[in-house]
């Protein structure tokens, strides 16, 4: 089966500088810009901002 390019797999990296990442999918039609989500970083043990990396 072919990969769906409308919902690509993206990596989210922590902005706290810990190097922790999450992997998720995003809809390119609804979110054409870089995705930013507030998620839990287990290294610093609190919620921080995660940004999509290319």
PDB file of N, CA and C in Angstrom:
ATOM      1  N   UNK A   1       0.827  -1.166   0.000  1.00  0.00           N
ATOM      2  CA  UNK A   1       0.000   0.000   0.000  1.00  0.00           C
ATOM      3  C   UNK A   1       0.885   1.246   0.000  1.00  0.00           C
ATOM      4  N   UNK A   2       0.444   2.253  -0.740  1.00  0.00           N
ATOM      5  CA  UNK A   2       1.235   3.485  -0.838  1.00  0.00           C
ATOM      6  C   UNK A   2       1.051   4.346   0.411  1.00  0.00           C
ATOM      7  N   UNK A   3       2.085   5.105   0.736  1.00  0.00           N
ATOM      8  CA  UNK A   3       2.012   6.030   1.864  1.00  0.00           C
ATOM      9  C   UNK A   3       1.083   7.177   1.501  1.00  0.00           C
ATOM     10  N   UNK A   4       0.282   7.603   2.455  1.00  0.00           N
ATOM     11  CA  UNK A   4      -0.613   8.724   2.223  1.00  0.00           C
ATOM     12  C   UNK A   4       0.147  10.027   2.487  1.00  0.00           C
ATOM     13  N   UNK A   5       0.364  10.817   1.449  1.00  0.00           N
ATOM     14  CA  UNK A   5       1.139  12.053   1.587  1.00  0.00           C
ATOM     15  C   UNK A   5       0.317  13.200   2.149  1.00  0.00           C
ATOM     16  N   UNK A   6      -1.005  13.033   2.267  1.00  0.00           N
ATOM     17  CA  UNK A   6      -1.809  14.071   2.875  1.00  0.00           C
ATOM     18  C   UNK A   6      -1.629  14.074   4.391  1.00  0.00           C
ATOM     19  N   UNK A   7      -1.345  12.903   4.984  1.00  0.00           N
ATOM     20  CA  UNK A   7      -1.123  12.780   6.431  1.00  0.00           C
ATOM     21  C   UNK A   7       0.253  12.177   6.681  1.00  0.00           C
ATOM     22  N   UNK A   8       1.322  12.970   6.532  1.00  0.00           N
ATOM     23  CA  UNK A   8       2.665  12.424   6.717  1.00  0.00           C
ATOM     24  C   UNK A   8       3.009  12.239   8.195  1.00  0.00           C
ATOM     25  N   UNK A   9       3.975  11.377   8.456  1.00  0.00           N
ATOM     26  CA  UNK A   9       4.492  11.166   9.804  1.00  0.00           C
ATOM     27  C   UNK A   9       5.508  12.266  10.079  1.00  0.00           C
ATOM     28  N   UNK A  10       5.356  12.965  11.219  1.00  0.00           N
ATOM     29  CA  UNK A  10       6.268  14.043  11.575  1.00  0.00           C
ATOM     30  C   UNK A  10       6.860  13.772  12.952  1.00  0.00           C
ATOM     31  N   UNK A  11       8.065  14.294  13.174  1.00  0.00           N
ATOM     32  CA  UNK A  11       8.736  14.194  14.468  1.00  0.00           C
ATOM     33  C   UNK A  11       8.549  15.495  15.214  1.00  0.00           C
ATOM     34  N   UNK A  12       8.203  15.393  16.493  1.00  0.00           N
ATOM     35  CA  UNK A  12       8.089  16.572  17.347  1.00  0.00           C
ATOM     36  C   UNK A  12       9.235  16.544  18.350  1.00  0.00           C
ATOM     37  N   UNK A  13      10.053  17.590  18.363  1.00  0.00           N
ATOM     38  CA  UNK A  13      11.200  17.654  19.272  1.00  0.00           C
ATOM     39  C   UNK A  13      10.940  18.690  20.359  1.00  0.00           C
ATOM     40  N   UNK A  14      11.364  18.374  21.579  1.00  0.00           N
ATOM     41  CA  UNK A  14      11.162  19.242  22.739  1.00  0.00           C
ATOM     42  C   UNK A  14      11.964  20.529  22.594  1.00  0.00           C
ATOM     43  N   UNK A  15      11.352  21.639  23.005  1.00  0.00           N
ATOM     44  CA  UNK A  15      12.054  22.924  22.981  1.00  0.00           C
ATOM     45  C   UNK A  15      12.835  23.149  24.269  1.00  0.00           C
ATOM     46  N   UNK A  16      12.749  22.204  25.220  1.00  0.00           N
ATOM     47  CA  UNK A  16      13.484  22.344  26.476  1.00  0.00           C
ATOM     48  C   UNK A  16      14.953  21.955  26.318  1.00  0.00           C
ATOM     49  N   UNK A  17      15.344  21.466  25.142  1.00  0.00           N
ATOM     50  CA  UNK A  17      16.739  21.120  24.904  1.00  0.00           C
ATOM     51  C   UNK A  17      17.133  19.750  25.409  1.00  0.00           C
ATOM     52  N   UNK A  18      16.164  18.886  25.701  1.00  0.00           N
ATOM     53  CA  UNK A  18      16.475  17.566  26.224  1.00  0.00           C
ATOM     54  C   UNK A  18      16.696  16.538  25.126  1.00  0.00           C
ATOM     55  N   UNK A  19      16.235  16.827  23.909  1.00  0.00           N
ATOM     56  CA  UNK A  19      16.383  15.877  22.814  1.00  0.00           C
ATOM     57  C   UNK A  19      15.279  14.850  22.746  1.00  0.00           C
ATOM     58  N   UNK A  20      14.287  14.942  23.619  1.00  0.00           N
ATOM     59  CA  UNK A  20      13.176  13.987  23.613  1.00  0.00           C
ATOM     60  C   UNK A  20      12.265  14.279  22.424  1.00  0.00           C
ATOM     61  N   UNK A  21      11.753  13.220  21.775  1.00  0.00           N
ATOM     62  CA  UNK A  21      10.892  13.390  20.608  1.00  0.00           C
ATOM     63  C   UNK A  21       9.630  12.565  20.740  1.00  0.00           C
ATOM     64  N   UNK A  22       8.586  13.023  20.082  1.00  0.00           N
ATOM     65  CA  UNK A  22       7.352  12.278  19.873  1.00  0.00           C
ATOM     66  C   UNK A  22       7.182  12.120  18.374  1.00  0.00           C
ATOM     67  N   UNK A  23       6.457  11.077  17.946  1.00  0.00           N
ATOM     68  CA  UNK A  23       6.149  10.866  16.537  1.00  0.00           C
ATOM     69  C   UNK A  23       4.635  10.886  16.394  1.00  0.00           C
ATOM     70  N   UNK A  24       4.138  11.657  15.422  1.00  0.00           N
ATOM     71  CA  UNK A  24       2.701  11.752  15.199  1.00  0.00           C
ATOM     72  C   UNK A  24       2.433  11.965  13.720  1.00  0.00           C
ATOM     73  N   UNK A  25       1.170  12.022  13.358  1.00  0.00           N
ATOM     74  CA  UNK A  25       0.762  12.326  11.991  1.00  0.00           C
ATOM     75  C   UNK A  25       0.060  13.669  11.984  1.00  0.00           C
ATOM     76  N   UNK A  26       0.123  14.364  10.848  1.00  0.00           N
ATOM     77  CA  UNK A  26      -0.591  15.628  10.742  1.00  0.00           C
ATOM     78  C   UNK A  26      -1.266  15.718   9.389  1.00  0.00           C
ATOM     79  N   UNK A  27      -2.311  16.503   9.328  1.00  0.00           N
ATOM     80  CA  UNK A  27      -3.025  16.729   8.083  1.00  0.00           C
ATOM     81  C   UNK A  27      -2.431  17.961   7.415  1.00  0.00           C
ATOM     82  N   UNK A  28      -1.830  17.776   6.258  1.00  0.00           N
ATOM     83  CA  UNK A  28      -1.171  18.893   5.572  1.00  0.00           C
ATOM     84  C   UNK A  28      -2.161  19.942   5.087  1.00  0.00           C
ATOM     85  N   UNK A  29      -3.373  19.524   4.788  1.00  0.00           N
ATOM     86  CA  UNK A  29      -4.369  20.478   4.292  1.00  0.00           C
ATOM     87  C   UNK A  29      -4.807  21.435   5.406  1.00  0.00           C
ATOM     88  N   UNK A  30      -4.946  20.927   6.642  1.00  0.00           N
ATOM     89  CA  UNK A  30      -5.376  21.772   7.752  1.00  0.00           C
ATOM     90  C   UNK A  30      -4.206  22.481   8.426  1.00  0.00           C
ATOM     91  N   UNK A  31      -3.014  21.881   8.449  1.00  0.00           N
ATOM     92  CA  UNK A  31      -1.833  22.448   9.113  1.00  0.00           C
ATOM     93  C   UNK A  31      -0.657  22.504   8.151  1.00  0.00           C
ATOM     94  N   UNK A  32      -0.636  23.461   7.228  1.00  0.00           N
ATOM     95  CA  UNK A  32       0.486  23.510   6.281  1.00  0.00           C
ATOM     96  C   UNK A  32       1.786  23.995   6.920  1.00  0.00           C
ATOM     97  N   UNK A  33       1.698  24.749   8.026  1.00  0.00           N
ATOM     98  CA  UNK A  33       2.893  25.255   8.704  1.00  0.00           C
ATOM     99  C   UNK A  33       3.429  24.205   9.662  1.00  0.00           C
ATOM    100  N   UNK A  34       4.536  24.556  10.319  1.00  0.00           N
ATOM    101  CA  UNK A  34       5.105  23.641  11.301  1.00  0.00           C
ATOM    102  C   UNK A  34       4.159  23.490  12.489  1.00  0.00           C
ATOM    103  N   UNK A  35       4.028  22.272  12.961  1.00  0.00           N
ATOM    104  CA  UNK A  35       3.129  21.955  14.055  1.00  0.00           C
ATOM    105  C   UNK A  35       3.809  22.230  15.389  1.00  0.00           C
ATOM    106  N   UNK A  36       3.084  22.853  16.325  1.00  0.00           N
ATOM    107  CA  UNK A  36       3.586  23.034  17.686  1.00  0.00           C
ATOM    108  C   UNK A  36       2.516  22.531  18.643  1.00  0.00           C
ATOM    109  N   UNK A  37       2.911  21.651  19.556  1.00  0.00           N
ATOM    110  CA  UNK A  37       2.000  21.077  20.539  1.00  0.00           C
ATOM    111  C   UNK A  37       2.642  21.155  21.918  1.00  0.00           C
ATOM    112  N   UNK A  38       1.831  21.305  22.929  1.00  0.00           N
ATOM    113  CA  UNK A  38       2.307  21.307  24.309  1.00  0.00           C
ATOM    114  C   UNK A  38       2.129  19.899  24.841  1.00  0.00           C
ATOM    115  N   UNK A  39       3.247  19.206  25.101  1.00  0.00           N
ATOM    116  CA  UNK A  39       3.221  17.814  25.530  1.00  0.00           C
ATOM    117  C   UNK A  39       4.161  17.613  26.718  1.00  0.00           C
ATOM    118  N   UNK A  40       4.039  16.448  27.343  1.00  0.00           N
ATOM    119  CA  UNK A  40       4.831  16.133  28.537  1.00  0.00           C
ATOM    120  C   UNK A  40       6.236  15.688  28.145  1.00  0.00           C
ATOM    121  N   UNK A  41       7.237  16.284  28.759  1.00  0.00           N
ATOM    122  CA  UNK A  41       8.627  15.886  28.566  1.00  0.00           C
ATOM    123  C   UNK A  41       9.072  15.127  29.807  1.00  0.00           C
ATOM    124  N   UNK A  42       9.303  13.809  29.719  1.00  0.00           N
ATOM    125  CA  UNK A  42       9.652  13.035  30.905  1.00  0.00           C
ATOM    126  C   UNK A  42      11.048  13.334  31.445  1.00  0.00           C
ATOM    127  N   UNK A  43      11.909  13.959  30.658  1.00  0.00           N
ATOM    128  CA  UNK A  43      13.261  14.269  31.124  1.00  0.00           C
ATOM    129  C   UNK A  43      13.218  15.404  32.142  1.00  0.00           C
ATOM    130  N   UNK A  44      12.469  16.469  31.840  1.00  0.00           N
ATOM    131  CA  UNK A  44      12.350  17.588  32.776  1.00  0.00           C
ATOM    132  C   UNK A  44      11.110  17.457  33.660  1.00  0.00           C
ATOM    133  N   UNK A  45      10.305  16.471  33.416  1.00  0.00           N
ATOM    134  CA  UNK A  45       9.109  16.113  34.179  1.00  0.00           C
ATOM    135  C   UNK A  45       8.086  17.256  34.265  1.00  0.00           C
ATOM    136  N   UNK A  46       7.823  17.866  33.117  1.00  0.00           N
ATOM    137  CA  UNK A  46       6.750  18.862  33.017  1.00  0.00           C
ATOM    138  C   UNK A  46       6.354  19.036  31.556  1.00  0.00           C
ATOM    139  N   UNK A  47       5.260  19.753  31.335  1.00  0.00           N
ATOM    140  CA  UNK A  47       4.791  19.990  29.984  1.00  0.00           C
ATOM    141  C   UNK A  47       5.585  21.139  29.363  1.00  0.00           C
ATOM    142  N   UNK A  48       6.052  20.921  28.144  1.00  0.00           N
ATOM    143  CA  UNK A  48       6.792  21.949  27.400  1.00  0.00           C
ATOM    144  C   UNK A  48       6.267  21.972  25.975  1.00  0.00           C
ATOM    145  N   UNK A  49       6.715  22.945  25.205  1.00  0.00           N
ATOM    146  CA  UNK A  49       6.309  23.086  23.820  1.00  0.00           C
ATOM    147  C   UNK A  49       7.153  22.175  22.944  1.00  0.00           C
ATOM    148  N   UNK A  50       6.502  21.428  22.062  1.00  0.00           N
ATOM    149  CA  UNK A  50       7.180  20.559  21.100  1.00  0.00           C
ATOM    150  C   UNK A  50       6.937  21.126  19.717  1.00  0.00           C
ATOM    151  N   UNK A  51       7.994  21.217  18.911  1.00  0.00           N
ATOM    152  CA  UNK A  51       7.883  21.757  17.556  1.00  0.00           C
ATOM    153  C   UNK A  51       8.213  20.685  16.543  1.00  0.00           C
ATOM    154  N   UNK A  52       7.576  20.777  15.402  1.00  0.00           N
ATOM    155  CA  UNK A  52       7.831  19.833  14.308  1.00  0.00           C
ATOM    156  C   UNK A  52       9.210  20.121  13.718  1.00  0.00           C
ATOM    157  N   UNK A  53       9.957  19.058  13.476  1.00  0.00           N
ATOM    158  CA  UNK A  53      11.256  19.226  12.818  1.00  0.00           C
ATOM    159  C   UNK A  53      11.185  18.576  11.448  1.00  0.00           C
ATOM    160  N   UNK A  54      11.938  19.117  10.525  1.00  0.00           N
ATOM    161  CA  UNK A  54      11.877  18.632   9.139  1.00  0.00           C
ATOM    162  C   UNK A  54      13.048  17.733   8.852  1.00  0.00           C
TER     163      UNK A  54
END
